[in-house]
Amino acid sequence: MIVDNFIKKQECDKIKNEMLHGDFNWYYCKNSIEGDEKIQPMFQHNFLRDGVKSYKFSLLDSLIEKIKKVKKPSKFLRIKSNMYLKQSKNQSHTPHTDFPDLNKYGTAIYYLTTTNGSTTVGDKVVKDKENRIVFFNGDIKHNANIQTDQPERVVININYE
């Protein structure tokens, strides 16, 4: 399921501005997927991981509340943001599932930027569009396709039960 204009524009702008221009900690990752030896650099910030919330967790209040209304999750497993920097040629990351040991969970990817990048979900390509969200079963492999047109591509990856 793909939904455009998922939250109010001013809420989307608030999140995006804080993440790109505010006091926001991004952490470099040489490999975008744990255990994958392929170098696929990106920056990430874990809003929620292993039950621990980041100092910026409340920035996502409006997004989380909307997801609760639409999907009614019993709990969130992980919420993290990924930032990819502009590349000179098209590159695709390794297809993967976020929790290979879990059988039943949902994944959502929320787009904060519009770029010529995309996400491949199974055999479908979801184009980057600001304030778009895509929901899919967590057991479907997906991967990032890095942009060549904008300085940064920012998404928020949400996993829930």
Protein backbone atom coordinates (compact mmCIF):
# COMPACT_ATOMS: atom_id res chain seq x y z
CA MET A 1 0.00 0.00 0.00
CA ILE A 2 1.39 3.40 -1.03
CA VAL A 3 -0.01 6.60 0.49
CA ASP A 4 0.98 10.08 -0.63
CA ASN A 5 0.69 13.15 1.63
CA PHE A 6 0.69 10.81 4.61
CA ILE A 7 0.99 13.48 7.30
CA LYS A 8 0.34 17.22 7.27
CA LYS A 9 2.85 19.13 5.16
CA GLN A 10 3.99 21.26 8.10
CA GLU A 11 4.69 18.10 10.15
CA CYS A 12 6.69 16.58 7.28
CA ASP A 13 8.63 19.85 6.89
CA LYS A 14 9.35 19.95 10.63
CA ILE A 15 10.84 16.44 10.57
CA LYS A 16 12.81 17.07 7.39
CA ASN A 17 14.18 20.43 8.51
CA GLU A 18 15.30 19.06 11.87
CA MET A 19 16.96 16.04 10.29
CA LEU A 20 18.75 18.01 7.57
CA HIS A 21 19.42 21.36 9.21
CA GLY A 22 19.05 20.98 12.95
CA ASP A 23 20.86 19.43 15.86
CA PHE A 24 20.63 15.90 14.53
CA ASN A 25 23.15 13.07 14.92
CA TRP A 26 23.80 10.95 11.85
CA TYR A 27 26.09 7.92 12.14
CA TYR A 28 28.18 6.59 9.26
CA CYS A 29 27.68 3.00 8.14
CA LYS A 30 30.09 1.46 5.65
CA ASN A 31 27.73 -1.48 5.05
CA SER A 32 24.03 -0.79 4.94
CA ILE A 33 23.14 -4.36 5.94
CA GLU A 34 24.63 -6.22 8.91
CA GLY A 35 26.74 -9.15 7.76
CA ASP A 36 26.89 -7.95 4.13
CA GLU A 37 30.48 -7.38 3.00
CA LYS A 38 29.43 -5.20 0.05
CA ILE A 39 30.39 -1.58 0.72
CA GLN A 40 27.15 0.40 0.57
CA PRO A 41 27.80 3.58 2.55
CA MET A 42 25.06 5.59 4.19
CA PHE A 43 24.30 7.49 7.36
CA GLN A 44 21.69 6.36 9.86
CA HIS A 45 19.99 7.39 13.06
CA ASN A 46 18.12 4.92 15.25
CA PHE A 47 15.01 6.52 16.69
CA LEU A 48 14.06 3.21 18.35
CA ARG A 49 16.24 0.14 18.63
CA ASP A 50 16.05 -2.69 21.16
CA GLY A 51 13.46 -0.72 23.12
CA VAL A 52 15.72 2.32 23.49
CA LYS A 53 14.48 5.67 22.15
CA SER A 54 16.83 8.33 20.80
CA TYR A 55 16.93 11.90 22.05
CA LYS A 56 14.96 12.88 18.91
CA PHE A 57 12.22 10.23 19.16
CA SER A 58 9.47 12.79 19.83
CA LEU A 59 10.23 14.42 16.47
CA LEU A 60 8.28 11.53 14.90
CA ASP A 61 5.15 11.84 17.08
CA SER A 62 2.83 12.83 14.21
CA LEU A 63 4.19 10.11 11.92
CA ILE A 64 3.90 7.43 14.59
CA GLU A 65 0.35 8.47 15.52
CA LYS A 66 -0.74 8.28 11.88
CA ILE A 67 0.82 4.82 11.47
CA LYS A 68 -1.03 3.69 14.61
CA LYS A 69 -4.33 4.83 13.07
CA VAL A 70 -3.68 3.17 9.72
CA LYS A 71 -2.00 -0.10 10.73
CA LYS A 72 -2.83 -0.51 14.43
CA PRO A 73 0.50 -2.12 15.38
CA SER A 74 0.80 -3.86 18.73
CA LYS A 75 4.36 -2.55 19.05
CA PHE A 76 7.17 -0.95 17.09
CA LEU A 77 10.26 -3.12 16.68
CA ARG A 78 12.60 -0.53 15.19
CA ILE A 79 12.44 2.95 13.71
CA LYS A 80 15.50 4.26 11.94
CA SER A 81 16.35 6.87 9.38
CA ASN A 82 18.72 6.38 6.47
CA MET A 83 20.48 9.12 4.54
CA TYR A 84 22.17 8.35 1.25
CA LEU A 85 24.43 10.88 -0.45
CA LYS A 86 24.25 11.65 -4.16
CA GLN A 87 26.11 9.21 -6.40
CA SER A 88 27.51 9.79 -9.89
CA LYS A 89 25.93 6.61 -11.25
CA ASN A 90 22.93 4.46 -10.34
CA GLN A 91 23.59 2.02 -7.52
CA SER A 92 21.30 -0.49 -5.86
CA HIS A 93 21.85 -1.93 -2.41
CA THR A 94 21.49 -5.62 -1.59
CA PRO A 95 17.88 -6.89 -1.35
CA HIS A 96 17.11 -7.91 2.24
CA THR A 97 14.52 -8.20 4.97
CA ASP A 98 15.01 -6.15 8.11
CA PHE A 99 14.41 -9.00 10.56
CA PRO A 100 15.26 -12.30 8.83
CA ASP A 101 14.53 -14.30 12.00
CA LEU A 102 10.97 -12.99 12.36
CA ASN A 103 8.07 -14.48 10.46
CA LYS A 104 5.28 -11.96 10.80
CA TYR A 105 5.86 -8.22 10.97
CA GLY A 106 5.23 -5.14 8.90
CA THR A 107 7.61 -2.69 7.31
CA ALA A 108 6.96 0.88 6.26
CA ILE A 109 9.27 3.27 4.46
CA TYR A 110 8.49 6.96 4.79
CA TYR A 111 10.13 9.32 2.29
CA LEU A 112 11.31 12.74 3.43
CA THR A 113 12.84 13.78 0.10
CA THR A 114 11.92 13.67 -3.56
CA THR A 115 14.77 12.31 -5.67
CA ASN A 116 15.31 10.09 -8.70
CA GLY A 117 16.11 7.30 -6.24
CA SER A 118 13.65 4.60 -5.25
CA THR A 119 13.03 1.49 -3.22
CA THR A 120 12.52 -1.89 -4.83
CA VAL A 121 9.95 -3.88 -2.82
CA GLY A 122 9.70 -7.40 -4.21
CA ASP A 123 9.26 -6.78 -7.93
CA LYS A 124 7.80 -3.26 -7.57
CA VAL A 125 9.70 0.02 -7.64
CA VAL A 126 8.49 2.80 -5.34
CA LYS A 127 9.81 6.21 -6.39
CA ASP A 128 11.06 8.69 -3.82
CA LYS A 129 8.45 11.34 -3.16
CA GLU A 130 8.38 13.61 -0.13
CA ASN A 131 5.67 12.66 2.40
CA ARG A 132 4.97 9.29 0.75
CA ILE A 133 4.85 6.06 2.73
CA VAL A 134 4.83 2.47 1.52
CA PHE A 135 3.62 -0.40 3.73
CA PHE A 136 4.50 -4.04 3.01
CA ASN A 137 4.93 -7.40 4.73
CA GLY A 138 8.29 -7.60 6.46
CA ASP A 139 9.18 -10.89 4.78
CA ILE A 140 9.33 -9.21 1.35
CA LYS A 141 12.86 -8.36 0.30
CA HIS A 142 13.53 -4.71 -0.45
CA ASN A 143 16.48 -2.49 -1.27
CA ALA A 144 17.49 1.12 -1.80
CA ASN A 145 18.27 2.52 -5.24
CA ILE A 146 20.50 5.54 -4.69
CA GLN A 147 19.80 8.93 -6.26
CA THR A 148 21.97 10.80 -8.76
CA ASP A 149 20.10 14.13 -8.79
CA GLN A 150 19.81 15.50 -5.22
CA PRO A 151 22.47 15.95 -2.50
CA GLU A 152 20.70 13.60 -0.10
CA ARG A 153 17.99 10.96 0.00
CA VAL A 154 16.32 10.55 3.40
CA VAL A 155 13.89 7.81 4.39
CA ILE A 156 12.55 6.55 7.70
CA ASN A 157 12.28 2.78 8.01
CA ILE A 158 9.66 1.52 10.46
CA ASN A 159 9.20 -2.11 11.55
CA TYR A 160 6.20 -3.14 13.66
CA GLU A 161 4.16 -6.12 14.82
